[in-house]
N, C-alpha and C. Protein backbone atom coordinates (compact mmCIF):
# COMPACT_ATOMS: atom_id res chain seq x y z
N MET A 1 20.46 -0.55 31.98
CA MET A 1 19.68 -1.10 30.78
C MET A 1 18.54 -0.45 30.78
N LYS A 2 18.30 -0.50 29.23
CA LYS A 2 16.48 -0.23 29.00
C LYS A 2 16.18 -1.64 28.55
N LYS A 3 14.92 -1.39 28.95
CA LYS A 3 14.11 -2.75 28.92
C LYS A 3 13.81 -2.90 27.24
N GLN A 4 13.60 -4.15 26.77
CA GLN A 4 13.65 -4.66 25.19
C GLN A 4 12.00 -4.16 24.75
N MET A 5 11.72 -4.18 23.65
CA MET A 5 10.16 -4.02 23.36
C MET A 5 9.74 -4.80 22.52
N SER A 6 9.01 -5.47 22.78
CA SER A 6 8.19 -6.64 21.47
C SER A 6 7.15 -6.26 21.08
N PHE A 7 7.06 -6.64 19.51
CA PHE A 7 5.71 -6.21 18.87
C PHE A 7 5.19 -7.59 17.94
N SER A 8 5.77 -8.17 18.64
CA SER A 8 5.42 -9.79 17.95
C SER A 8 3.57 -9.86 17.92
N ASN A 9 2.87 -9.48 19.03
CA ASN A 9 1.72 -9.52 19.07
C ASN A 9 0.99 -9.11 18.02
N LEU A 10 1.89 -7.49 17.81
CA LEU A 10 1.28 -6.58 16.50
C LEU A 10 1.33 -7.39 15.31
N GLU A 11 2.73 -7.69 15.08
CA GLU A 11 2.92 -8.78 14.07
C GLU A 11 1.97 -9.87 13.45
N ARG A 12 1.24 -10.48 14.46
CA ARG A 12 0.61 -11.66 14.39
C ARG A 12 -0.63 -11.24 13.48
N LYS A 13 -1.03 -10.02 14.46
CA LYS A 13 -2.43 -9.17 13.70
C LYS A 13 -2.16 -9.27 12.35
N TYR A 14 -1.07 -8.62 11.57
CA TYR A 14 -0.95 -8.38 10.39
C TYR A 14 -0.68 -9.57 9.48
N ALA A 15 0.38 -10.37 10.18
CA ALA A 15 1.01 -11.60 9.41
C ALA A 15 -0.15 -12.33 8.21
N HIS A 16 -1.10 -12.78 8.82
CA HIS A 16 -2.04 -13.39 7.61
C HIS A 16 -2.71 -12.76 6.90
N LYS A 17 -2.70 -11.47 6.97
CA LYS A 17 -3.47 -10.99 6.17
C LYS A 17 -2.46 -10.62 4.94
N VAL A 18 -1.26 -9.74 5.46
CA VAL A 18 -0.15 -9.19 4.67
C VAL A 18 0.06 -10.16 3.63
N ARG A 19 0.51 -11.65 4.37
CA ARG A 19 0.80 -12.92 3.52
C ARG A 19 0.03 -13.25 2.27
N ASN A 20 -1.47 -13.64 2.81
CA ASN A 20 -2.52 -13.35 1.76
C ASN A 20 -2.16 -12.40 0.44
N LYS A 21 -2.27 -11.18 1.19
CA LYS A 21 -1.80 -10.30 -0.27
C LYS A 21 -1.07 -10.33 -0.97
N ILE A 22 0.22 -10.47 -0.35
CA ILE A 22 1.45 -10.64 -0.95
C ILE A 22 1.22 -12.13 -1.97
N ASN A 23 0.56 -12.95 -1.43
CA ASN A 23 0.60 -14.08 -2.62
C ASN A 23 -0.34 -14.13 -3.84
N HIS A 24 -1.59 -12.65 -3.43
CA HIS A 24 -2.11 -12.25 -4.78
C HIS A 24 -1.70 -11.29 -5.81
N SER A 25 -0.57 -10.75 -5.13
CA SER A 25 -0.17 -9.94 -5.96
C SER A 25 0.61 -10.03 -7.27
N GLU A 26 -0.04 -9.04 -8.32
CA GLU A 26 0.17 -9.77 -9.52
C GLU A 26 1.70 -8.99 -10.08
N ASN A 27 1.93 -8.24 -9.75
CA ASN A 27 3.48 -7.63 -10.29
C ASN A 27 3.96 -6.97 -9.14
N ILE A 28 5.18 -6.50 -9.58
CA ILE A 28 6.09 -6.12 -8.65
C ILE A 28 5.76 -4.37 -8.13
N SER A 29 5.17 -3.52 -8.77
CA SER A 29 4.44 -2.27 -8.32
C SER A 29 3.55 -2.74 -7.05
N ASP A 30 2.67 -3.44 -7.10
CA ASP A 30 1.88 -3.99 -6.27
C ASP A 30 2.49 -4.40 -5.13
N LEU A 31 3.63 -5.01 -5.57
CA LEU A 31 4.12 -5.47 -3.97
C LEU A 31 4.84 -4.20 -3.46
N ARG A 32 5.32 -3.39 -3.71
CA ARG A 32 5.81 -2.34 -3.63
C ARG A 32 4.64 -1.49 -2.69
N ARG A 33 3.78 -0.93 -3.25
CA ARG A 33 2.81 -0.38 -2.74
C ARG A 33 2.20 -1.45 -1.19
N LEU A 34 2.09 -2.65 -1.47
CA LEU A 34 1.76 -3.21 -0.39
C LEU A 34 2.48 -2.97 0.85
N PHE A 35 3.67 -2.88 0.55
CA PHE A 35 4.67 -3.28 1.47
C PHE A 35 4.83 -1.75 2.27
N ARG A 36 4.78 -0.59 1.49
CA ARG A 36 4.90 0.49 1.90
C ARG A 36 3.17 0.93 2.77
N GLN A 37 1.86 0.45 2.33
CA GLN A 37 0.98 0.44 3.14
C GLN A 37 0.97 -0.01 4.19
N THR A 38 1.33 -1.20 4.03
CA THR A 38 1.70 -2.32 5.34
C THR A 38 2.09 -1.74 6.46
N VAL A 39 3.92 -1.33 6.11
CA VAL A 39 4.36 -1.05 6.94
C VAL A 39 4.16 0.15 7.96
N SER A 40 3.45 1.06 6.89
CA SER A 40 3.29 2.83 7.58
C SER A 40 2.25 2.20 8.34
N ASN A 41 1.31 1.52 8.15
CA ASN A 41 0.01 1.20 9.05
C ASN A 41 0.66 0.41 10.43
N PHE A 42 1.62 -0.49 10.35
CA PHE A 42 2.15 -1.00 11.12
C PHE A 42 2.72 -0.29 11.93
N LEU A 43 3.81 1.02 11.49
CA LEU A 43 4.49 1.70 12.57
C LEU A 43 3.32 2.89 12.93
N LEU A 44 2.09 2.81 12.60
CA LEU A 44 1.13 4.14 13.29
C LEU A 44 0.68 3.30 14.39
N GLU A 45 0.55 2.03 14.20
CA GLU A 45 0.06 1.37 15.27
C GLU A 45 0.66 1.24 16.61
N VAL A 46 2.00 1.03 16.35
CA VAL A 46 3.48 0.80 16.90
C VAL A 46 3.52 2.44 17.85
N PHE A 47 3.37 3.33 17.13
CA PHE A 47 3.39 4.74 17.73
C PHE A 47 2.35 6.01 17.70
N GLU A 48 1.19 5.00 17.98
CA GLU A 48 -0.01 5.55 18.18
C GLU A 48 0.15 6.62 19.25
N ASP A 49 0.68 6.40 19.99
CA ASP A 49 0.73 7.58 21.31
C ASP A 49 1.85 8.56 21.28
N GLU A 50 2.34 8.01 20.54
CA GLU A 50 3.75 9.41 20.43
C GLU A 50 3.60 10.20 19.21
N ASP A 51 4.54 11.27 19.62
CA ASP A 51 4.38 12.54 18.89
C ASP A 51 4.98 12.21 17.62
N ILE A 52 4.81 11.24 16.11
CA ILE A 52 5.36 11.19 15.52
C ILE A 52 4.66 11.01 13.85
N THR A 53 5.16 11.61 13.08
CA THR A 53 4.57 11.47 11.60
C THR A 53 5.42 10.18 10.97
N ILE A 54 4.43 9.55 10.17
CA ILE A 54 4.46 8.62 9.63
C ILE A 54 4.16 8.41 8.54
N ARG A 55 4.69 8.62 7.01
CA ARG A 55 3.91 8.66 6.03
C ARG A 55 4.33 7.16 4.94
N GLU A 56 3.51 6.97 4.35
CA GLU A 56 4.12 5.40 3.58
C GLU A 56 5.61 6.16 2.69
N GLU A 57 5.72 7.34 2.38
CA GLU A 57 7.28 7.43 1.47
C GLU A 57 8.18 7.30 2.60
N ASP A 58 7.99 7.05 3.95
CA ASP A 58 8.92 7.09 4.59
C ASP A 58 9.81 5.96 4.71
N ILE A 59 9.26 4.55 4.40
CA ILE A 59 9.85 3.23 4.23
C ILE A 59 9.85 2.93 2.93
N GLN A 60 10.42 2.14 2.19
CA GLN A 60 10.25 1.33 0.80
C GLN A 60 10.55 0.14 0.94
N TYR A 61 10.21 -0.69 -0.08
CA TYR A 61 10.69 -1.90 -0.36
C TYR A 61 12.14 -1.44 -1.34
N ASP A 62 12.85 -1.96 -1.07
CA ASP A 62 14.54 -1.96 -1.75
C ASP A 62 14.72 -3.44 -1.79
N PRO A 63 14.44 -4.09 -3.05
CA PRO A 63 15.31 -5.44 -3.33
C PRO A 63 16.87 -5.55 -3.57
N GLU A 64 17.21 -4.14 -3.27
CA GLU A 64 18.92 -4.04 -3.61
C GLU A 64 19.64 -4.33 -2.36
N LYS A 65 18.93 -3.73 -1.34
CA LYS A 65 19.01 -3.36 0.14
C LYS A 65 19.42 -4.88 0.67
N PRO A 66 20.56 -5.25 1.54
CA PRO A 66 20.49 -6.54 2.39
C PRO A 66 19.61 -6.71 3.37
N ASN A 67 18.60 -5.77 3.57
CA ASN A 67 17.69 -5.73 4.86
C ASN A 67 16.16 -5.92 3.72
N TYR A 68 16.20 -5.60 2.81
CA TYR A 68 15.51 -5.48 1.83
C TYR A 68 14.16 -3.91 1.93
N PHE A 69 14.92 -3.13 2.59
CA PHE A 69 14.12 -2.18 2.87
C PHE A 69 14.50 -0.92 2.99
N HIS A 70 14.46 0.07 2.85
CA HIS A 70 14.92 1.58 3.18
C HIS A 70 14.03 2.67 3.94
N ILE A 71 14.73 3.35 5.03
CA ILE A 71 14.15 3.97 6.12
C ILE A 71 14.50 5.34 5.63
N ASN A 72 13.33 6.12 5.52
CA ASN A 72 13.80 7.62 5.12
C ASN A 72 14.68 8.43 6.32
N ASP A 73 15.90 9.34 5.92
CA ASP A 73 16.37 9.73 6.85
C ASP A 73 15.47 10.12 7.79
N ASN A 74 14.48 11.20 7.74
CA ASN A 74 13.55 12.05 8.47
C ASN A 74 13.26 11.04 9.39
N LEU A 75 12.37 10.10 9.26
CA LEU A 75 12.02 8.96 10.24
C LEU A 75 13.50 8.11 10.70
N LYS A 76 14.71 7.86 10.33
CA LYS A 76 15.46 7.44 10.88
C LYS A 76 15.98 7.93 12.08
N ASN A 77 16.31 9.59 12.04
CA ASN A 77 17.00 10.39 12.48
C ASN A 77 16.07 10.72 13.91
N ASN A 78 14.69 10.38 13.59
CA ASN A 78 13.36 10.77 14.41
C ASN A 78 14.16 10.41 15.92
N PRO A 79 14.19 11.17 17.00
CA PRO A 79 14.93 10.51 18.51
C PRO A 79 13.40 9.50 18.84
N ILE A 80 12.42 9.75 18.59
CA ILE A 80 11.22 8.64 19.34
C ILE A 80 11.68 7.30 18.58
N PHE A 81 11.05 7.80 17.04
CA PHE A 81 11.62 6.42 16.32
C PHE A 81 12.97 5.52 16.54
N LYS A 82 14.18 6.19 16.69
CA LYS A 82 15.29 5.67 16.59
C LYS A 82 15.19 4.67 18.31
N GLY A 83 14.74 5.80 19.14
CA GLY A 83 14.89 4.91 20.71
C GLY A 83 13.96 3.67 20.49
N VAL A 84 12.94 3.40 19.77
CA VAL A 84 12.17 2.45 19.79
C VAL A 84 13.32 1.59 18.93
N TRP A 85 13.42 1.93 17.74
CA TRP A 85 14.28 0.97 16.73
C TRP A 85 15.35 0.00 17.41
N GLU A 86 15.86 0.96 18.06
CA GLU A 86 17.25 0.02 18.75
C GLU A 86 16.54 -0.03 20.11
N ASN A 87 15.91 -0.60 20.61
CA ASN A 87 15.54 -1.22 21.93
C ASN A 87 14.10 -2.00 21.79
N SER A 88 13.87 -2.52 20.44
CA SER A 88 12.69 -3.12 20.37
C SER A 88 12.91 -4.24 18.93
N ASP A 89 12.22 -5.47 18.93
CA ASP A 89 12.38 -6.17 17.63
C ASP A 89 11.60 -5.61 16.54
N LEU A 90 11.21 -4.08 16.52
CA LEU A 90 10.47 -3.58 15.11
C LEU A 90 11.24 -4.09 13.92
N SER A 91 12.98 -3.77 14.07
CA SER A 91 13.61 -3.67 12.88
C SER A 91 13.58 -5.31 12.08
N ASP A 92 13.37 -6.34 13.36
CA ASP A 92 13.25 -7.72 12.02
C ASP A 92 11.86 -7.84 12.43
N LEU A 93 10.72 -7.38 12.86
CA LEU A 93 9.65 -7.65 12.44
C LEU A 93 9.25 -7.02 10.96
N ILE A 94 9.86 -6.08 10.66
CA ILE A 94 9.88 -5.09 9.36
C ILE A 94 10.67 -6.15 8.25
N TYR A 95 11.95 -6.49 8.57
CA TYR A 95 12.86 -7.56 8.10
C TYR A 95 12.12 -8.50 7.57
N ARG A 96 11.59 -9.35 8.33
CA ARG A 96 10.29 -10.36 8.25
C ARG A 96 9.02 -9.78 6.66
N PHE A 97 8.77 -8.74 6.96
CA PHE A 97 7.62 -8.28 6.13
C PHE A 97 8.16 -8.26 4.60
N ALA A 98 9.57 -7.66 4.61
CA ALA A 98 10.46 -7.11 3.40
C ALA A 98 10.92 -8.55 2.94
N LYS A 99 11.20 -9.42 3.85
CA LYS A 99 11.65 -10.67 3.27
C LYS A 99 10.53 -11.73 2.47
N ALA A 100 9.32 -11.56 3.01
CA ALA A 100 7.91 -11.99 2.56
C ALA A 100 7.96 -11.73 1.05
N VAL A 101 8.18 -10.17 0.87
CA VAL A 101 7.82 -9.49 -0.37
C VAL A 101 8.61 -9.56 -1.46
N TYR A 102 10.18 -9.80 -0.58
CA TYR A 102 11.10 -10.25 -1.86
C TYR A 102 11.12 -11.76 -2.25
N ASN A 103 10.76 -12.31 -1.58
CA ASN A 103 10.50 -13.83 -1.87
C ASN A 103 9.48 -13.95 -2.90
N HIS A 104 8.07 -13.27 -2.94
CA HIS A 104 7.37 -13.03 -4.15
C HIS A 104 7.80 -12.10 -4.83
N HIS A 105 8.63 -11.65 -4.83
CA HIS A 105 9.01 -10.72 -6.07
C HIS A 105 9.97 -11.53 -6.90
N VAL A 106 10.91 -12.34 -5.92
CA VAL A 106 11.87 -13.20 -6.90
C VAL A 106 11.07 -14.27 -7.57
N ASN A 107 9.79 -14.72 -7.20
CA ASN A 107 9.13 -15.55 -7.91
C ASN A 107 8.08 -15.23 -8.83
N LEU A 108 8.01 -13.81 -8.75
CA LEU A 108 7.29 -13.06 -9.85
C LEU A 108 8.43 -13.04 -11.21
N ASN A 109 9.43 -12.81 -10.84
CA ASN A 109 10.13 -12.64 -11.68
C ASN A 109 10.83 -14.14 -12.74
N LYS A 110 10.66 -15.02 -11.79
CA LYS A 110 10.50 -16.30 -12.49
C LYS A 110 9.68 -16.42 -13.18
N HIS A 111 8.68 -16.20 -12.94
CA HIS A 111 7.41 -16.41 -13.86
C HIS A 111 6.78 -15.73 -14.42
N ASN A 112 7.58 -14.81 -15.30
CA ASN A 112 6.69 -13.07 -15.50
C ASN A 112 5.61 -13.85 -16.54
N GLU A 113 5.67 -14.64 -17.07
CA GLU A 113 4.66 -14.89 -18.39
C GLU A 113 3.26 -14.97 -17.74
N ARG A 114 3.20 -14.97 -16.29
CA ARG A 114 2.13 -15.04 -15.52
C ARG A 114 1.35 -13.36 -15.31
N THR A 115 2.66 -12.37 -15.39
CA THR A 115 2.05 -11.02 -15.10
C THR A 115 2.72 -10.07 -16.36
N ASP A 116 3.22 -10.61 -17.28
CA ASP A 116 3.14 -9.74 -18.23
C ASP A 116 2.75 -10.11 -19.60
N PRO A 117 1.93 -9.59 -20.67
CA PRO A 117 1.88 -8.08 -20.39
C PRO A 117 0.72 -7.94 -19.25
N SER A 118 0.04 -6.40 -18.41
CA SER A 118 -1.02 -6.76 -17.93
C SER A 118 -2.04 -6.02 -19.32
N TYR A 119 -2.94 -6.09 -19.27
CA TYR A 119 -4.42 -5.61 -19.75
C TYR A 119 -5.06 -5.15 -19.07
N ALA A 120 -5.99 -4.32 -19.43
CA ALA A 120 -7.34 -3.91 -18.67
C ALA A 120 -8.37 -4.69 -19.20
N GLY A 121 -9.15 -5.11 -17.59
CA GLY A 121 -10.17 -6.15 -17.71
C GLY A 121 -11.72 -5.76 -18.60
N PHE A 122 -12.33 -6.44 -18.53
CA PHE A 122 -13.56 -6.64 -19.53
C PHE A 122 -14.53 -5.61 -18.61
N LEU A 123 -14.24 -5.45 -17.24
CA LEU A 123 -14.99 -4.35 -16.65
C LEU A 123 -14.27 -2.88 -16.87
N MET A 124 -13.67 -2.69 -17.25
CA MET A 124 -12.30 -1.44 -17.61
C MET A 124 -13.19 -1.04 -19.21
N GLN A 125 -13.11 -2.12 -19.71
CA GLN A 125 -13.73 -1.84 -21.27
C GLN A 125 -15.29 -1.68 -21.24
N LYS A 126 -16.11 -2.15 -20.45
CA LYS A 126 -17.21 -1.63 -20.35
C LYS A 126 -17.31 -0.10 -19.59
N GLU A 127 -16.56 0.07 -18.52
CA GLU A 127 -16.76 1.54 -18.23
C GLU A 127 -16.19 2.56 -19.04
N ILE A 128 -15.47 2.12 -20.19
CA ILE A 128 -15.13 3.07 -21.26
C ILE A 128 -15.90 3.25 -22.26
N GLU A 129 -16.44 2.10 -22.48
CA GLU A 129 -17.84 2.64 -23.45
C GLU A 129 -19.12 3.32 -23.15
N ASN A 130 -19.33 3.09 -21.51
CA ASN A 130 -20.26 4.10 -20.91
C ASN A 130 -20.01 5.43 -20.36
N LEU A 131 -18.72 5.26 -20.71
CA LEU A 131 -18.50 6.81 -20.75
C LEU A 131 -18.30 7.60 -21.93
N GLU A 132 -18.43 6.82 -22.33
CA GLU A 132 -18.34 7.33 -24.39
C GLU A 132 -19.84 7.90 -24.89
N ARG A 133 -20.38 6.69 -23.93
CA ARG A 133 -21.98 7.14 -24.28
C ARG A 133 -22.51 8.32 -23.79
N ILE A 134 -21.81 8.84 -22.68
CA ILE A 134 -22.17 9.94 -21.84
C ILE A 134 -21.74 11.30 -22.74
N TYR A 135 -20.39 10.92 -23.41
CA TYR A 135 -19.50 12.48 -23.88
C TYR A 135 -19.98 12.24 -25.19
N SER A 136 -20.90 11.93 -26.16
CA SER A 136 -21.49 11.58 -27.42
C SER A 136 -22.43 11.03 -27.11
N PRO A 137 -23.63 11.55 -26.53
CA PRO A 137 -24.78 11.29 -26.33
C PRO A 137 -25.64 11.40 -28.11
N GLN A 138 -26.56 10.51 -28.33
CA GLN A 138 -27.18 10.27 -29.46
C GLN A 138 -28.49 11.13 -29.22
N SER A 139 -28.55 11.88 -30.28
CA SER A 139 -29.83 12.76 -30.11
C SER A 139 -31.57 11.74 -30.56
N PRO A 140 -31.87 12.23 -29.82
CA PRO A 140 -32.02 13.09 -29.01
C PRO A 140 -32.33 12.39 -27.40
N PHE A 141 -32.17 12.96 -26.48
CA PHE A 141 -31.61 12.10 -25.53
C PHE A 141 -32.07 13.22 -24.18
N ILE A 142 -32.11 12.69 -23.10
CA ILE A 142 -33.03 12.98 -21.78
C ILE A 142 -31.84 12.78 -20.38
N ALA A 143 -32.05 13.81 -19.52
CA ALA A 143 -31.00 13.70 -18.28
C ALA A 143 -31.88 13.93 -17.41
N VAL A 144 -31.73 12.94 -16.46
CA VAL A 144 -32.73 12.86 -15.37
C VAL A 144 -31.86 13.57 -14.14
N VAL A 145 -32.22 14.42 -13.69
CA VAL A 145 -31.69 15.44 -12.46
C VAL A 145 -32.23 15.52 -11.05
N ALA A 146 -31.72 15.17 -9.99
CA ALA A 146 -33.24 15.43 -9.49
C ALA A 146 -32.30 15.71 -8.22
N GLY A 147 -32.86 15.90 -6.94
CA GLY A 147 -32.40 16.41 -5.68
C GLY A 147 -32.80 17.78 -5.33
N SER A 148 -32.76 18.02 -3.90
CA SER A 148 -33.26 18.97 -3.28
C SER A 148 -32.71 20.46 -3.86
N LYS A 149 -31.50 20.40 -3.90
CA LYS A 149 -30.77 21.68 -4.60
C LYS A 149 -30.71 21.78 -6.45
N PHE A 150 -32.01 21.51 -7.03
CA PHE A 150 -32.09 21.47 -8.14
C PHE A 150 -31.28 22.79 -9.10
N ASP A 151 -31.08 23.89 -8.26
CA ASP A 151 -30.28 25.22 -8.76
C ASP A 151 -29.18 25.23 -9.08
N THR A 152 -28.23 23.98 -8.30
CA THR A 152 -27.04 23.89 -7.87
C THR A 152 -26.65 22.91 -9.15
N LYS A 153 -27.70 22.14 -9.50
CA LYS A 153 -27.11 20.98 -10.49
C LYS A 153 -27.15 21.64 -11.94
N ILE A 154 -27.81 22.52 -12.27
CA ILE A 154 -27.60 23.11 -13.82
C ILE A 154 -27.76 24.36 -13.99
N ASP A 155 -26.55 24.88 -14.48
CA ASP A 155 -26.55 26.54 -14.81
C ASP A 155 -27.65 26.82 -15.76
N SER A 156 -28.30 27.90 -15.38
CA SER A 156 -29.46 28.35 -16.65
C SER A 156 -29.01 29.30 -17.49
């Protein structure tokens, strides 16, 4: 009989920060990105001593699935991953992350007036205005270029 591994200490390390980020997510794409990043970072820590590649694309939030997530076949069929998956609480922990994301997803759908429509903020508007000033400057204008390698800054 194989020994059952537990990653609940690692889950506690992530839980508070993740719940806080979930609660501050404003749309579904934020939730999907958060789930991908969190779970891939979590798995990287779980498998840090193993020869296994884990990418964000390998595990996705999927509200249509019974467990709310989908694991890429390449990862699912990896013998190292499969061994840990079958002999640990890893599936339960990822389910809890996915369930928390799903609950906020449902909440966003109920209160979509908070998220739709999305607009760029005032800082972005200010950045665009400043970019317009760079690309169509008023004449005459001065450019200050400095640095030890001045020749690489301006082509003569």
